[in-house]
């Protein structure tokens, strides 16, 4: 009986996530997908759910998509297509920020390892310093539960994993790339 309840709970959660994803549209904070968990804020050492980072804010890791940019905890970093490079702002607001927390910067010059894109910061929509790559804000996906997860890849055709050179990775998991981790 317990197994049946667990299965029903999992199915209900999956249905709720599917409904949320289906209701999402593009632009201005829409199209953000759902979220299963909230990443830990490693910059401040708290679990505020407001983004992430670490003393080494960004580095690289091998994944099913090849070499990708990750935060200080190894969580996958994403771009949001509506954000314009060099605009100095994020288009991800409201519910979008709950599902796609910004990668926070611990300083005006975040530390990186293996990332060749130009690194900078903006004031994010949560009022904190947000990391940018080649002038574009970067985010985590609350639906990624563990390092190496790329569950946000390609959601609504507006969320893309970031390559170390700052380009968008637009391939989908299992369609080529690295060996995972």
N, C-alpha and C. Protein backbone atom coordinates (compact mmCIF):
# COMPACT_ATOMS: atom_id res chain seq x y z
N UNK A 1 0.82 -1.19 0.00
CA UNK A 1 0.00 0.00 0.00
C UNK A 1 0.86 1.25 0.00
N UNK A 2 1.95 1.20 0.77
CA UNK A 2 2.85 2.35 0.83
C UNK A 2 3.45 2.61 -0.55
N UNK A 3 3.80 1.55 -1.29
CA UNK A 3 4.37 1.72 -2.62
C UNK A 3 3.36 2.38 -3.55
N UNK A 4 2.10 1.97 -3.45
CA UNK A 4 1.05 2.58 -4.27
C UNK A 4 0.92 4.06 -3.96
N UNK A 5 0.93 4.42 -2.67
CA UNK A 5 0.86 5.84 -2.29
C UNK A 5 2.04 6.61 -2.81
N UNK A 6 3.23 6.02 -2.74
CA UNK A 6 4.43 6.69 -3.25
C UNK A 6 4.32 6.92 -4.75
N UNK A 7 3.84 5.90 -5.44
CA UNK A 7 3.68 6.04 -6.90
C UNK A 7 2.65 7.12 -7.23
N UNK A 8 1.53 7.12 -6.50
CA UNK A 8 0.50 8.13 -6.75
C UNK A 8 1.03 9.52 -6.47
N UNK A 9 1.80 9.68 -5.39
CA UNK A 9 2.37 10.98 -5.06
C UNK A 9 3.33 11.43 -6.16
N UNK A 10 4.15 10.50 -6.66
CA UNK A 10 5.10 10.83 -7.73
C UNK A 10 4.36 11.21 -9.00
N UNK A 11 3.29 10.46 -9.33
CA UNK A 11 2.50 10.79 -10.52
C UNK A 11 1.83 12.15 -10.38
N UNK A 12 1.31 12.45 -9.20
CA UNK A 12 0.68 13.75 -8.97
C UNK A 12 1.69 14.88 -9.12
N UNK A 13 2.89 14.68 -8.58
CA UNK A 13 3.93 15.69 -8.70
C UNK A 13 4.33 15.88 -10.16
N UNK A 14 4.46 14.80 -10.90
CA UNK A 14 4.82 14.89 -12.31
C UNK A 14 3.72 15.60 -13.10
N UNK A 15 2.47 15.30 -12.79
CA UNK A 15 1.36 15.96 -13.48
C UNK A 15 1.34 17.45 -13.18
N UNK A 16 1.60 17.81 -11.94
CA UNK A 16 1.64 19.23 -11.57
C UNK A 16 2.75 19.95 -12.31
N UNK A 17 3.92 19.32 -12.40
CA UNK A 17 5.04 19.92 -13.12
C UNK A 17 4.72 20.05 -14.60
N UNK A 18 4.11 19.02 -15.18
CA UNK A 18 3.75 19.07 -16.60
C UNK A 18 2.74 20.19 -16.86
N UNK A 19 1.78 20.35 -15.96
CA UNK A 19 0.79 21.42 -16.09
C UNK A 19 1.47 22.78 -16.02
N UNK A 20 2.40 22.95 -15.09
CA UNK A 20 3.13 24.21 -14.96
C UNK A 20 3.91 24.49 -16.23
N UNK A 21 4.61 23.48 -16.76
CA UNK A 21 5.40 23.68 -17.97
C UNK A 21 4.51 24.02 -19.15
N UNK A 22 3.36 23.36 -19.25
CA UNK A 22 2.47 23.62 -20.38
C UNK A 22 1.89 25.02 -20.32
N UNK A 23 1.73 25.57 -19.12
CA UNK A 23 1.14 26.90 -18.97
C UNK A 23 2.13 28.02 -19.20
N UNK A 24 3.40 27.69 -19.27
CA UNK A 24 4.42 28.73 -19.39
C UNK A 24 4.52 29.23 -20.82
N UNK A 25 4.67 30.53 -20.97
CA UNK A 25 4.87 31.14 -22.27
C UNK A 25 6.22 31.80 -22.32
N UNK A 26 6.59 32.38 -23.45
CA UNK A 26 7.90 33.02 -23.59
C UNK A 26 7.87 34.48 -23.20
N UNK A 27 9.06 35.04 -22.96
CA UNK A 27 9.26 36.46 -22.74
C UNK A 27 8.90 36.93 -21.34
N UNK A 28 9.53 38.00 -20.90
CA UNK A 28 9.20 38.72 -19.68
C UNK A 28 8.99 37.89 -18.44
N UNK A 29 9.71 36.81 -18.27
CA UNK A 29 9.60 36.02 -17.07
C UNK A 29 8.76 34.77 -17.27
N UNK A 30 8.11 34.61 -18.41
CA UNK A 30 7.36 33.40 -18.68
C UNK A 30 8.28 32.32 -19.22
N UNK A 31 7.76 31.15 -19.40
CA UNK A 31 8.54 30.07 -19.98
C UNK A 31 9.63 29.57 -19.07
N UNK A 32 9.39 29.66 -17.79
CA UNK A 32 10.44 29.35 -16.85
C UNK A 32 10.44 27.92 -16.38
N UNK A 33 9.44 27.15 -16.70
CA UNK A 33 9.40 25.77 -16.26
C UNK A 33 9.00 25.69 -14.81
N UNK A 34 9.06 24.48 -14.28
CA UNK A 34 8.72 24.26 -12.89
C UNK A 34 9.98 24.08 -12.08
N UNK A 35 9.83 23.69 -10.85
CA UNK A 35 11.00 23.46 -10.04
C UNK A 35 10.71 22.44 -8.96
N UNK A 36 11.68 21.56 -8.73
CA UNK A 36 11.49 20.54 -7.72
C UNK A 36 12.18 20.89 -6.42
N UNK A 37 13.23 21.67 -6.50
CA UNK A 37 13.97 22.00 -5.30
C UNK A 37 14.58 23.37 -5.46
N UNK A 38 15.07 23.92 -4.36
CA UNK A 38 15.71 25.22 -4.39
C UNK A 38 17.18 25.04 -4.09
N UNK A 39 18.07 25.51 -4.98
CA UNK A 39 19.49 25.37 -4.74
C UNK A 39 19.94 26.13 -3.49
N UNK A 40 21.04 25.71 -2.92
CA UNK A 40 21.61 26.37 -1.76
C UNK A 40 22.49 27.52 -2.20
N UNK A 41 22.41 28.63 -1.48
CA UNK A 41 23.24 29.80 -1.75
C UNK A 41 24.58 29.59 -1.08
N UNK A 42 25.59 29.19 -1.88
CA UNK A 42 26.89 28.88 -1.29
C UNK A 42 27.75 30.11 -1.12
N UNK A 43 27.38 31.23 -1.73
CA UNK A 43 28.15 32.45 -1.54
C UNK A 43 28.05 32.92 -0.10
N UNK A 44 26.82 32.89 0.43
CA UNK A 44 26.62 33.38 1.78
C UNK A 44 26.55 32.25 2.79
N UNK A 45 26.54 31.00 2.28
CA UNK A 45 26.47 29.86 3.17
C UNK A 45 25.07 29.59 3.68
N UNK A 46 24.07 30.29 3.14
CA UNK A 46 22.71 30.08 3.61
C UNK A 46 21.95 29.23 2.62
N UNK A 47 20.77 28.81 3.00
CA UNK A 47 19.90 28.06 2.10
C UNK A 47 18.67 28.90 1.84
N UNK A 48 18.90 30.10 1.34
CA UNK A 48 17.81 31.05 1.13
C UNK A 48 17.02 30.79 -0.12
N UNK A 49 17.55 29.97 -1.03
CA UNK A 49 16.85 29.69 -2.27
C UNK A 49 16.95 30.82 -3.25
N UNK A 50 17.81 31.78 -3.04
CA UNK A 50 17.88 32.93 -3.91
C UNK A 50 19.03 32.91 -4.87
N UNK A 51 19.59 31.79 -5.18
CA UNK A 51 20.68 31.74 -6.13
C UNK A 51 21.84 30.98 -5.57
N UNK A 52 22.95 31.03 -6.27
CA UNK A 52 24.07 30.22 -5.83
C UNK A 52 25.38 30.81 -6.27
N UNK A 53 26.42 30.15 -5.89
CA UNK A 53 27.77 30.54 -6.23
C UNK A 53 28.69 30.05 -5.16
N UNK A 54 29.94 30.46 -5.21
CA UNK A 54 30.91 30.13 -4.17
C UNK A 54 32.09 31.04 -4.35
N UNK A 55 33.13 30.83 -3.54
CA UNK A 55 34.33 31.65 -3.68
C UNK A 55 34.85 31.54 -5.11
N UNK A 56 34.78 30.37 -5.71
CA UNK A 56 35.04 30.18 -7.13
C UNK A 56 33.67 30.10 -7.77
N UNK A 57 33.09 31.23 -8.16
CA UNK A 57 31.69 31.30 -8.59
C UNK A 57 31.36 30.35 -9.72
N UNK A 58 32.24 30.23 -10.72
CA UNK A 58 31.95 29.39 -11.87
C UNK A 58 33.17 28.55 -12.22
N UNK A 59 32.89 27.35 -12.72
CA UNK A 59 33.95 26.49 -13.25
C UNK A 59 33.31 25.67 -14.36
N UNK A 60 33.99 24.64 -14.80
CA UNK A 60 33.47 23.79 -15.86
C UNK A 60 33.38 22.35 -15.38
N UNK A 61 32.55 21.58 -16.06
CA UNK A 61 32.39 20.16 -15.76
C UNK A 61 31.98 19.44 -17.03
N UNK A 62 32.25 18.17 -17.09
CA UNK A 62 31.80 17.33 -18.19
C UNK A 62 30.37 16.90 -17.89
N UNK A 63 29.53 16.88 -18.93
CA UNK A 63 28.14 16.48 -18.77
C UNK A 63 27.70 15.73 -20.01
N UNK A 64 26.43 15.35 -20.04
CA UNK A 64 25.86 14.70 -21.23
C UNK A 64 25.87 15.64 -22.43
N UNK A 65 26.08 16.93 -22.19
CA UNK A 65 26.09 17.94 -23.27
C UNK A 65 27.51 18.37 -23.63
N UNK A 66 28.51 17.72 -23.07
CA UNK A 66 29.90 18.12 -23.28
C UNK A 66 30.37 18.93 -22.08
N UNK A 67 31.37 19.78 -22.27
CA UNK A 67 31.88 20.61 -21.19
C UNK A 67 30.96 21.81 -21.03
N UNK A 68 30.49 22.01 -19.79
CA UNK A 68 29.52 23.06 -19.50
C UNK A 68 30.01 23.91 -18.33
N UNK A 69 29.37 25.07 -18.15
CA UNK A 69 29.66 25.94 -17.01
C UNK A 69 28.77 25.50 -15.85
N UNK A 70 29.38 25.44 -14.66
CA UNK A 70 28.66 25.08 -13.44
C UNK A 70 28.99 26.10 -12.35
N UNK A 71 28.14 26.15 -11.33
CA UNK A 71 28.40 27.04 -10.20
C UNK A 71 29.36 26.34 -9.22
N UNK A 72 29.61 26.97 -8.09
CA UNK A 72 30.55 26.45 -7.11
C UNK A 72 30.15 25.12 -6.50
N UNK A 73 28.88 24.71 -6.65
CA UNK A 73 28.43 23.42 -6.15
C UNK A 73 28.34 22.39 -7.27
N UNK A 74 28.74 22.77 -8.46
CA UNK A 74 28.67 21.84 -9.59
C UNK A 74 27.33 21.82 -10.29
N UNK A 75 26.43 22.77 -9.95
CA UNK A 75 25.11 22.82 -10.58
C UNK A 75 25.20 23.54 -11.92
N UNK A 76 24.47 23.04 -12.89
CA UNK A 76 24.48 23.55 -14.26
C UNK A 76 24.00 24.99 -14.32
N UNK A 77 24.66 25.79 -15.16
CA UNK A 77 24.34 27.20 -15.36
C UNK A 77 23.65 27.37 -16.71
N UNK A 78 22.62 28.22 -16.74
CA UNK A 78 21.79 28.43 -17.93
C UNK A 78 21.71 29.90 -18.34
N UNK A 79 21.44 30.10 -19.64
CA UNK A 79 21.05 31.40 -20.18
C UNK A 79 19.54 31.40 -20.41
N UNK A 80 18.97 32.60 -20.36
CA UNK A 80 17.56 32.84 -20.66
C UNK A 80 17.53 33.67 -21.94
N UNK A 81 16.97 33.12 -23.01
CA UNK A 81 17.02 33.76 -24.32
C UNK A 81 16.51 35.20 -24.34
N UNK A 82 15.45 35.56 -23.61
CA UNK A 82 15.01 36.96 -23.65
C UNK A 82 16.01 37.97 -23.10
N UNK A 83 16.99 37.54 -22.31
CA UNK A 83 18.01 38.47 -21.81
C UNK A 83 18.89 38.93 -22.96
N UNK A 84 19.14 40.23 -23.03
CA UNK A 84 19.99 40.80 -24.07
C UNK A 84 21.38 41.05 -23.52
N UNK A 85 22.39 40.58 -24.25
CA UNK A 85 23.77 40.79 -23.84
C UNK A 85 24.05 42.28 -23.72
N UNK A 86 24.68 42.66 -22.63
CA UNK A 86 25.08 44.04 -22.44
C UNK A 86 23.98 44.98 -21.98
N UNK A 87 22.76 44.48 -21.79
CA UNK A 87 21.66 45.36 -21.37
C UNK A 87 21.77 45.77 -19.91
N UNK A 88 22.53 44.99 -19.13
CA UNK A 88 22.67 45.30 -17.71
C UNK A 88 21.49 44.89 -16.86
N UNK A 89 20.57 44.09 -17.44
CA UNK A 89 19.40 43.67 -16.68
C UNK A 89 18.99 42.25 -17.04
N UNK A 90 18.19 41.68 -16.15
CA UNK A 90 17.62 40.35 -16.33
C UNK A 90 16.14 40.50 -16.66
N UNK A 91 15.67 39.69 -17.58
CA UNK A 91 14.23 39.68 -17.92
C UNK A 91 13.48 38.65 -17.08
N UNK A 92 14.18 37.88 -16.27
CA UNK A 92 13.56 36.85 -15.43
C UNK A 92 13.07 37.50 -14.14
N UNK A 93 11.75 37.56 -13.95
CA UNK A 93 11.16 38.20 -12.78
C UNK A 93 10.09 37.31 -12.18
N UNK A 94 9.62 37.67 -11.00
CA UNK A 94 8.50 36.99 -10.36
C UNK A 94 8.70 35.49 -10.22
N UNK A 95 7.71 34.73 -10.71
CA UNK A 95 7.76 33.27 -10.62
C UNK A 95 8.97 32.70 -11.34
N UNK A 96 9.42 33.38 -12.37
CA UNK A 96 10.61 32.94 -13.10
C UNK A 96 11.80 32.81 -12.14
N UNK A 97 11.97 33.78 -11.25
CA UNK A 97 13.09 33.75 -10.31
C UNK A 97 13.00 32.59 -9.32
N UNK A 98 11.79 32.14 -9.02
CA UNK A 98 11.64 31.01 -8.12
C UNK A 98 12.13 29.72 -8.78
N UNK A 99 11.85 29.57 -10.06
CA UNK A 99 12.26 28.37 -10.78
C UNK A 99 13.68 28.48 -11.32
N UNK A 100 14.14 29.71 -11.56
CA UNK A 100 15.45 29.95 -12.18
C UNK A 100 16.22 30.98 -11.35
N UNK A 101 16.72 30.59 -10.18
CA UNK A 101 17.45 31.55 -9.34
C UNK A 101 18.74 32.02 -10.01
N UNK A 102 19.08 33.29 -9.81
CA UNK A 102 20.31 33.82 -10.40
C UNK A 102 21.55 33.21 -9.74
N UNK A 103 22.62 33.15 -10.50
CA UNK A 103 23.91 32.78 -9.92
C UNK A 103 24.46 34.06 -9.31
N UNK A 104 24.61 34.07 -8.00
CA UNK A 104 25.08 35.26 -7.30
C UNK A 104 26.59 35.37 -7.34
N UNK A 105 27.06 36.60 -7.34
CA UNK A 105 28.49 36.89 -7.33
C UNK A 105 28.89 37.32 -5.93
N UNK A 106 30.04 36.87 -5.48
CA UNK A 106 30.53 37.27 -4.17
C UNK A 106 31.27 38.58 -4.21
N UNK A 107 31.59 39.04 -5.43
CA UNK A 107 32.30 40.30 -5.60
C UNK A 107 32.04 40.83 -7.00
N UNK A 108 32.54 42.02 -7.29
CA UNK A 108 32.37 42.61 -8.63
C UNK A 108 33.17 41.85 -9.67
N UNK A 109 34.14 41.06 -9.22
CA UNK A 109 34.95 40.25 -10.15
C UNK A 109 34.91 38.79 -9.69
N UNK A 110 33.83 38.08 -10.05
CA UNK A 110 33.70 36.69 -9.63
C UNK A 110 34.86 35.83 -10.14
N UNK A 111 35.26 34.89 -9.30
CA UNK A 111 36.33 33.98 -9.67
C UNK A 111 35.78 32.88 -10.57
N UNK A 112 36.56 32.51 -11.57
CA UNK A 112 36.17 31.43 -12.48
C UNK A 112 37.37 30.54 -12.74
N UNK A 113 37.08 29.30 -13.08
CA UNK A 113 38.10 28.35 -13.49
C UNK A 113 37.63 27.65 -14.75
N UNK A 114 38.40 27.76 -15.82
CA UNK A 114 38.06 27.08 -17.06
C UNK A 114 37.06 27.79 -17.93
N UNK A 115 36.53 28.91 -17.49
CA UNK A 115 35.55 29.67 -18.25
C UNK A 115 36.29 30.75 -19.02
N UNK A 116 36.14 30.76 -20.34
CA UNK A 116 36.85 31.75 -21.17
C UNK A 116 35.97 32.92 -21.58
N UNK A 117 34.66 32.84 -21.34
CA UNK A 117 33.76 33.95 -21.64
C UNK A 117 34.09 35.12 -20.71
N UNK A 118 33.74 36.33 -21.14
CA UNK A 118 33.95 37.51 -20.30
C UNK A 118 32.99 37.46 -19.12
N UNK A 119 33.54 37.56 -17.92
CA UNK A 119 32.76 37.46 -16.69
C UNK A 119 32.51 38.84 -16.12
N UNK A 120 31.28 39.10 -15.70
CA UNK A 120 30.93 40.37 -15.09
C UNK A 120 29.78 40.18 -14.13
N UNK A 121 29.17 41.29 -13.73
CA UNK A 121 28.02 41.24 -12.84
C UNK A 121 27.01 42.34 -13.20
N UNK A 122 25.78 42.11 -12.79
CA UNK A 122 24.72 43.12 -12.84
C UNK A 122 24.00 43.05 -11.50
N UNK A 123 23.13 44.00 -11.24
CA UNK A 123 22.24 43.89 -10.09
C UNK A 123 21.03 43.11 -10.57
N UNK A 124 20.87 41.91 -10.00
CA UNK A 124 19.77 41.04 -10.41
C UNK A 124 18.43 41.53 -9.89
N UNK A 125 17.36 40.91 -10.35
CA UNK A 125 16.02 41.30 -9.95
C UNK A 125 15.69 40.95 -8.50
N UNK A 126 16.58 40.21 -7.85
CA UNK A 126 16.41 39.95 -6.42
C UNK A 126 17.21 40.95 -5.59
N UNK A 127 17.82 41.95 -6.27
CA UNK A 127 18.58 43.00 -5.59
C UNK A 127 20.02 42.64 -5.29
N UNK A 128 20.42 41.41 -5.61
CA UNK A 128 21.79 40.96 -5.35
C UNK A 128 22.61 40.97 -6.63
N UNK A 129 23.93 40.92 -6.46
CA UNK A 129 24.83 40.89 -7.60
C UNK A 129 24.72 39.55 -8.32
N UNK A 130 24.42 39.59 -9.61
CA UNK A 130 24.25 38.39 -10.42
C UNK A 130 25.39 38.29 -11.43
N UNK A 131 25.93 37.09 -11.58
CA UNK A 131 27.03 36.84 -12.52
C UNK A 131 26.51 36.93 -13.95
N UNK A 132 27.33 37.50 -14.83
CA UNK A 132 27.05 37.51 -16.26
C UNK A 132 28.21 36.87 -17.01
N UNK A 133 27.91 36.27 -18.14
CA UNK A 133 28.92 35.76 -19.07
C UNK A 133 28.65 36.42 -20.41
N UNK A 134 29.67 37.04 -20.95
CA UNK A 134 29.54 37.80 -22.20
C UNK A 134 28.35 38.75 -22.14
N UNK A 135 28.14 39.36 -20.97
CA UNK A 135 27.09 40.36 -20.79
C UNK A 135 25.71 39.81 -20.55
N UNK A 136 25.56 38.48 -20.46
CA UNK A 136 24.24 37.88 -20.24
C UNK A 136 24.16 37.28 -18.83
N UNK A 137 23.09 37.57 -18.09
CA UNK A 137 22.93 36.99 -16.76
C UNK A 137 22.84 35.47 -16.85
N UNK A 138 23.32 34.80 -15.79
CA UNK A 138 23.24 33.34 -15.75
C UNK A 138 22.42 32.88 -14.54
N UNK A 139 21.81 31.71 -14.69
CA UNK A 139 20.85 31.18 -13.74
C UNK A 139 21.10 29.70 -13.47
N UNK A 140 20.47 29.22 -12.41
CA UNK A 140 20.40 27.80 -12.11
C UNK A 140 18.96 27.38 -12.37
N UNK A 141 18.70 26.08 -12.41
CA UNK A 141 17.33 25.59 -12.55
C UNK A 141 16.97 24.81 -11.30
N UNK A 142 15.90 25.21 -10.64
CA UNK A 142 15.48 24.56 -9.40
C UNK A 142 15.11 23.10 -9.62
N UNK A 143 14.83 22.71 -10.84
CA UNK A 143 14.50 21.31 -11.15
C UNK A 143 15.72 20.42 -11.27
N UNK A 144 16.91 20.99 -11.29
CA UNK A 144 18.14 20.19 -11.28
C UNK A 144 18.42 19.82 -9.83
N UNK A 145 18.35 18.54 -9.52
CA UNK A 145 18.49 18.09 -8.14
C UNK A 145 19.93 17.84 -7.71
N UNK A 146 20.82 17.57 -8.67
CA UNK A 146 22.19 17.19 -8.32
C UNK A 146 23.16 17.70 -9.37
N UNK A 147 24.43 17.84 -8.99
CA UNK A 147 25.44 18.24 -9.99
C UNK A 147 25.37 17.31 -11.21
N UNK A 148 25.47 17.92 -12.38
CA UNK A 148 25.41 17.16 -13.61
C UNK A 148 24.03 17.10 -14.23
N UNK A 149 22.98 17.42 -13.46
CA UNK A 149 21.63 17.43 -14.02
C UNK A 149 21.50 18.57 -15.03
N UNK A 150 20.81 18.32 -16.11
CA UNK A 150 20.56 19.33 -17.14
C UNK A 150 19.07 19.33 -17.51
N UNK A 151 18.21 19.17 -16.49
CA UNK A 151 16.77 19.07 -16.71
C UNK A 151 16.17 20.34 -17.33
N UNK A 152 16.85 21.48 -17.17
CA UNK A 152 16.33 22.72 -17.72
C UNK A 152 16.71 22.94 -19.18
N UNK A 153 17.56 22.09 -19.72
CA UNK A 153 18.05 22.29 -21.09
C UNK A 153 16.92 22.32 -22.10
N UNK A 154 16.82 23.42 -22.84
CA UNK A 154 15.86 23.55 -23.93
C UNK A 154 14.42 23.78 -23.51
N UNK A 155 14.16 23.99 -22.21
CA UNK A 155 12.77 24.21 -21.79
C UNK A 155 12.20 25.42 -22.54
N UNK A 156 11.03 25.20 -23.11
CA UNK A 156 10.31 26.23 -23.86
C UNK A 156 11.16 26.86 -24.97
N UNK A 157 12.24 26.18 -25.35
CA UNK A 157 13.18 26.69 -26.36
C UNK A 157 13.75 28.06 -26.00
N UNK A 158 13.85 28.35 -24.68
CA UNK A 158 14.41 29.63 -24.25
C UNK A 158 15.45 29.51 -23.14
N UNK A 159 15.64 28.30 -22.60
CA UNK A 159 16.63 28.09 -21.54
C UNK A 159 17.71 27.16 -22.08
N UNK A 160 18.98 27.63 -22.04
CA UNK A 160 20.07 26.86 -22.62
C UNK A 160 21.27 26.80 -21.69
N UNK A 161 21.86 25.63 -21.62
CA UNK A 161 23.09 25.43 -20.86
C UNK A 161 24.19 26.26 -21.50
N UNK A 162 25.13 26.75 -20.67
CA UNK A 162 26.19 27.64 -21.12
C UNK A 162 27.50 26.86 -21.31
N UNK A 163 28.16 27.10 -22.43
CA UNK A 163 29.48 26.53 -22.71
C UNK A 163 30.55 27.44 -22.12
N UNK A 164 31.74 26.92 -21.84
CA UNK A 164 32.81 27.74 -21.25
C UNK A 164 33.16 28.99 -22.04
N UNK A 165 32.95 28.99 -23.37
CA UNK A 165 33.27 30.17 -24.18
C UNK A 165 32.12 31.18 -24.19
N UNK A 166 31.05 30.90 -23.44
CA UNK A 166 29.92 31.82 -23.36
C UNK A 166 28.83 31.56 -24.37
N UNK A 167 28.99 30.57 -25.22
CA UNK A 167 27.94 30.27 -26.19
C UNK A 167 26.85 29.40 -25.56
N UNK A 168 25.69 29.41 -26.20
CA UNK A 168 24.59 28.55 -25.77
C UNK A 168 24.83 27.16 -26.32
N UNK A 169 24.58 26.15 -25.51
CA UNK A 169 24.59 24.77 -26.00
C UNK A 169 23.14 24.45 -26.32
N UNK A 170 22.85 24.13 -27.57
CA UNK A 170 21.46 23.90 -27.97
C UNK A 170 21.16 22.45 -28.30
N UNK A 171 22.14 21.56 -28.12
CA UNK A 171 21.86 20.14 -28.29
C UNK A 171 21.12 19.65 -27.06
N UNK A 172 20.41 18.56 -27.22
CA UNK A 172 19.66 17.98 -26.10
C UNK A 172 20.43 16.80 -25.53
N UNK A 173 20.24 16.48 -24.26
CA UNK A 173 20.94 15.34 -23.66
C UNK A 173 20.69 14.07 -24.48
N UNK A 174 21.75 13.31 -24.63
CA UNK A 174 21.65 12.07 -25.39
C UNK A 174 21.85 12.23 -26.88
N UNK A 175 22.00 13.49 -27.36
CA UNK A 175 22.20 13.72 -28.79
C UNK A 175 23.64 14.06 -29.11
N UNK A 176 24.54 13.65 -28.25
CA UNK A 176 25.97 13.94 -28.46
C UNK A 176 26.49 14.71 -27.28
N UNK A 177 27.79 14.73 -27.14
CA UNK A 177 28.39 15.48 -26.04
C UNK A 177 29.32 14.62 -25.24
N UNK A 178 29.57 15.04 -24.03
CA UNK A 178 30.57 14.42 -23.18
C UNK A 178 30.06 13.19 -22.47
N UNK A 179 30.85 12.74 -21.51
CA UNK A 179 30.59 11.49 -20.84
C UNK A 179 29.77 11.60 -19.57
N UNK A 180 29.28 12.74 -19.22
CA UNK A 180 28.48 12.89 -18.00
C UNK A 180 29.34 12.82 -16.77
N UNK A 181 28.75 13.16 -15.67
CA UNK A 181 29.45 13.05 -14.37
C UNK A 181 28.46 12.89 -13.26
